[in-house]
Each structure stands twice: as C-alpha cells, then as structure tokens.
Amino acid sequence: MNKQSVTAATNNREFAAAMSALQSGRLDEAERLLKLTLRVQPKHLAALNLLGVVLGRLGRNAEAIASFDRARPPLPIPTRPGTAAA
C-alpha cells in the first residue's frame, strides 16, 4: 500500500469518526476530526458541509457559513445578453 492510499484510508476513518462524534453530541471532537480531515483534503465537500453543521450547532454561525461557502462550487460570472462569456 502506498503513502497516498494510507493517507486516504486514515482520512476516511477520521471523517467517519467525526460523523459518529456528531451523532453522539460530541461537537468539539467532531470539529477537531473534521479539521484533521480537511488538513489532508481541503476540498472534501462532505467534511466542509458537516463542519458547517457542527459550527452552527456550536453557535459559531459566521464560521459555519464560511464552511458552507467553501463547499459550494463557484458561481458563474453573469454575462449580458449578446456578449460572450469570458
């Protein structure tokens, strides 16, 4: 097994443990595990969304919104009718 496979497996275990912690009401632990997951995979959409849920439950709404925003794909730049998109 190569290093990348080991890292991905570890990351999946951390994410699963974070979900379990959230379901058990251990919000601080869930936050810690999700941040570890995101350190390895910064664009892990499920982890970003779940971190938003955890932060919202902790009352840290601005941080929760920022996490949800990071999970959202970028919005297209609107163009005027009759112009080519950049």
C-alpha atoms as a PDB file:
ATOM      1  CA  MET A   1       0.000   0.000   0.000  1.00  0.00           C
ATOM      2  CA  ASN A   2       1.447   3.398  -0.967  1.00  0.00           C
ATOM      3  CA  LYS A   3       1.562   6.515   1.197  1.00  0.00           C
ATOM      4  CA  GLN A   4      -1.342   8.160  -0.640  1.00  0.00           C
ATOM      5  CA  SER A   5      -3.578   5.115  -0.016  1.00  0.00           C
ATOM      6  CA  VAL A   6      -2.670   5.082   3.674  1.00  0.00           C
ATOM      7  CA  THR A   7      -3.406   8.807   3.958  1.00  0.00           C
ATOM      8  CA  ALA A   8      -6.786   8.415   2.225  1.00  0.00           C
ATOM      9  CA  ALA A   9      -7.738   5.477   4.468  1.00  0.00           C
ATOM     10  CA  THR A  10      -6.753   7.409   7.589  1.00  0.00           C
ATOM     11  CA  ASN A  11      -8.698  10.421   6.352  1.00  0.00           C
ATOM     12  CA  ASN A  12     -11.794   8.280   5.757  1.00  0.00           C
ATOM     13  CA  ARG A  13     -11.550   6.901   9.299  1.00  0.00           C
ATOM     14  CA  GLU A  14     -11.269  10.430  10.719  1.00  0.00           C
ATOM     15  CA  PHE A  15     -14.302  11.550   8.735  1.00  0.00           C
ATOM     16  CA  ALA A  16     -16.322   8.509   9.879  1.00  0.00           C
ATOM     17  CA  ALA A  17     -15.262   9.159  13.482  1.00  0.00           C
ATOM     18  CA  ALA A  18     -16.338  12.799  13.099  1.00  0.00           C
ATOM     19  CA  MET A  19     -19.788  11.709  11.922  1.00  0.00           C
ATOM     20  CA  SER A  20     -20.051   9.352  14.885  1.00  0.00           C
ATOM     21  CA  ALA A  21     -18.972  12.114  17.275  1.00  0.00           C
ATOM     22  CA  LEU A  22     -21.598  14.458  15.833  1.00  0.00           C
ATOM     23  CA  GLN A  23     -24.321  11.827  16.165  1.00  0.00           C
ATOM     24  CA  SER A  24     -23.273  11.297  19.793  1.00  0.00           C
ATOM     25  CA  GLY A  25     -23.343  15.026  20.513  1.00  0.00           C
ATOM     26  CA  ARG A  26     -19.571  15.333  20.928  1.00  0.00           C
ATOM     27  CA  LEU A  27     -19.353  18.513  18.883  1.00  0.00           C
ATOM     28  CA  ASP A  28     -15.845  19.581  19.917  1.00  0.00           C
ATOM     29  CA  GLU A  29     -14.460  16.182  18.932  1.00  0.00           C
ATOM     30  CA  ALA A  30     -16.360  16.247  15.643  1.00  0.00           C
ATOM     31  CA  GLU A  31     -14.914  19.681  14.865  1.00  0.00           C
ATOM     32  CA  ARG A  32     -11.373  18.518  15.629  1.00  0.00           C
ATOM     33  CA  LEU A  33     -11.700  15.412  13.446  1.00  0.00           C
ATOM     34  CA  LEU A  34     -13.247  17.316  10.562  1.00  0.00           C
ATOM     35  CA  LYS A  35     -10.441  19.860  10.647  1.00  0.00           C
ATOM     36  CA  LEU A  36      -7.929  16.988  10.511  1.00  0.00           C
ATOM     37  CA  THR A  37      -9.772  15.588   7.506  1.00  0.00           C
ATOM     38  CA  LEU A  38      -9.686  18.980   5.801  1.00  0.00           C
ATOM     39  CA  ARG A  39      -5.989  19.433   6.510  1.00  0.00           C
ATOM     40  CA  VAL A  40      -5.330  16.413   4.265  1.00  0.00           C
ATOM     41  CA  GLN A  41      -8.167  17.065   1.777  1.00  0.00           C
ATOM     42  CA  PRO A  42      -9.060  20.784   1.835  1.00  0.00           C
ATOM     43  CA  LYS A  43     -11.842  20.332  -0.736  1.00  0.00           C
ATOM     44  CA  HIS A  44     -13.555  17.351   0.960  1.00  0.00           C
ATOM     45  CA  LEU A  45     -17.119  18.561   0.329  1.00  0.00           C
ATOM     46  CA  ALA A  46     -18.819  16.305   2.860  1.00  0.00           C
ATOM     47  CA  ALA A  47     -16.350  17.368   5.566  1.00  0.00           C
ATOM     48  CA  LEU A  48     -16.847  21.054   4.730  1.00  0.00           C
ATOM     49  CA  ASN A  49     -20.623  20.648   4.916  1.00  0.00           C
ATOM     50  CA  LEU A  50     -20.508  18.647   8.122  1.00  0.00           C
ATOM     51  CA  LEU A  51     -18.119  21.174   9.678  1.00  0.00           C
ATOM     52  CA  GLY A  52     -20.683  23.853   8.844  1.00  0.00           C
ATOM     53  CA  VAL A  53     -23.342  21.842  10.682  1.00  0.00           C
ATOM     54  CA  VAL A  54     -21.085  21.345  13.710  1.00  0.00           C
ATOM     55  CA  LEU A  55     -20.075  25.007  13.865  1.00  0.00           C
ATOM     56  CA  GLY A  56     -23.711  26.057  13.545  1.00  0.00           C
ATOM     57  CA  ARG A  57     -24.686  23.813  16.453  1.00  0.00           C
ATOM     58  CA  LEU A  58     -21.866  25.367  18.458  1.00  0.00           C
ATOM     59  CA  GLY A  59     -23.380  28.786  17.756  1.00  0.00           C
ATOM     60  CA  ARG A  60     -20.456  29.870  15.591  1.00  0.00           C
ATOM     61  CA  ASN A  61     -22.680  30.897  12.712  1.00  0.00           C
ATOM     62  CA  ALA A  62     -20.221  33.077  10.761  1.00  0.00           C
ATOM     63  CA  GLU A  63     -17.703  30.219  10.728  1.00  0.00           C
ATOM     64  CA  ALA A  64     -20.452  27.779   9.737  1.00  0.00           C
ATOM     65  CA  ILE A  65     -21.461  29.941   6.776  1.00  0.00           C
ATOM     66  CA  ALA A  66     -17.815  30.229   5.710  1.00  0.00           C
ATOM     67  CA  SER A  67     -17.507  26.431   5.750  1.00  0.00           C
ATOM     68  CA  PHE A  68     -20.685  26.019   3.702  1.00  0.00           C
ATOM     69  CA  ASP A  69     -19.408  28.650   1.258  1.00  0.00           C
ATOM     70  CA  ARG A  70     -16.142  26.738   0.816  1.00  0.00           C
ATOM     71  CA  ALA A  71     -18.163  23.634  -0.069  1.00  0.00           C
ATOM     72  CA  ARG A  72     -20.268  25.444  -2.653  1.00  0.00           C
ATOM     73  CA  PRO A  73     -18.988  25.453  -6.224  1.00  0.00           C
ATOM     74  CA  PRO A  74     -18.083  28.891  -7.553  1.00  0.00           C
ATOM     75  CA  LEU A  75     -20.975  30.757  -9.084  1.00  0.00           C
ATOM     76  CA  PRO A  76     -20.736  31.527 -12.793  1.00  0.00           C
ATOM     77  CA  ILE A  77     -19.977  35.109 -13.722  1.00  0.00           C
ATOM     78  CA  PRO A  78     -23.126  36.562 -15.275  1.00  0.00           C
ATOM     79  CA  THR A  79     -22.872  37.960 -18.757  1.00  0.00           C
ATOM     80  CA  ARG A  80     -25.080  40.427 -20.539  1.00  0.00           C
ATOM     81  CA  PRO A  81     -27.240  39.043 -23.327  1.00  0.00           C
ATOM     82  CA  GLY A  82     -25.371  39.137 -26.604  1.00  0.00           C
ATOM     83  CA  THR A  83     -21.873  39.022 -25.073  1.00  0.00           C
ATOM     84  CA  ALA A  84     -19.550  36.072 -24.940  1.00  0.00           C
ATOM     85  CA  ALA A  85     -18.680  34.540 -21.603  1.00  0.00           C
ATOM     86  CA  ALA A  86     -15.092  35.090 -20.521  1.00  0.00           C
END
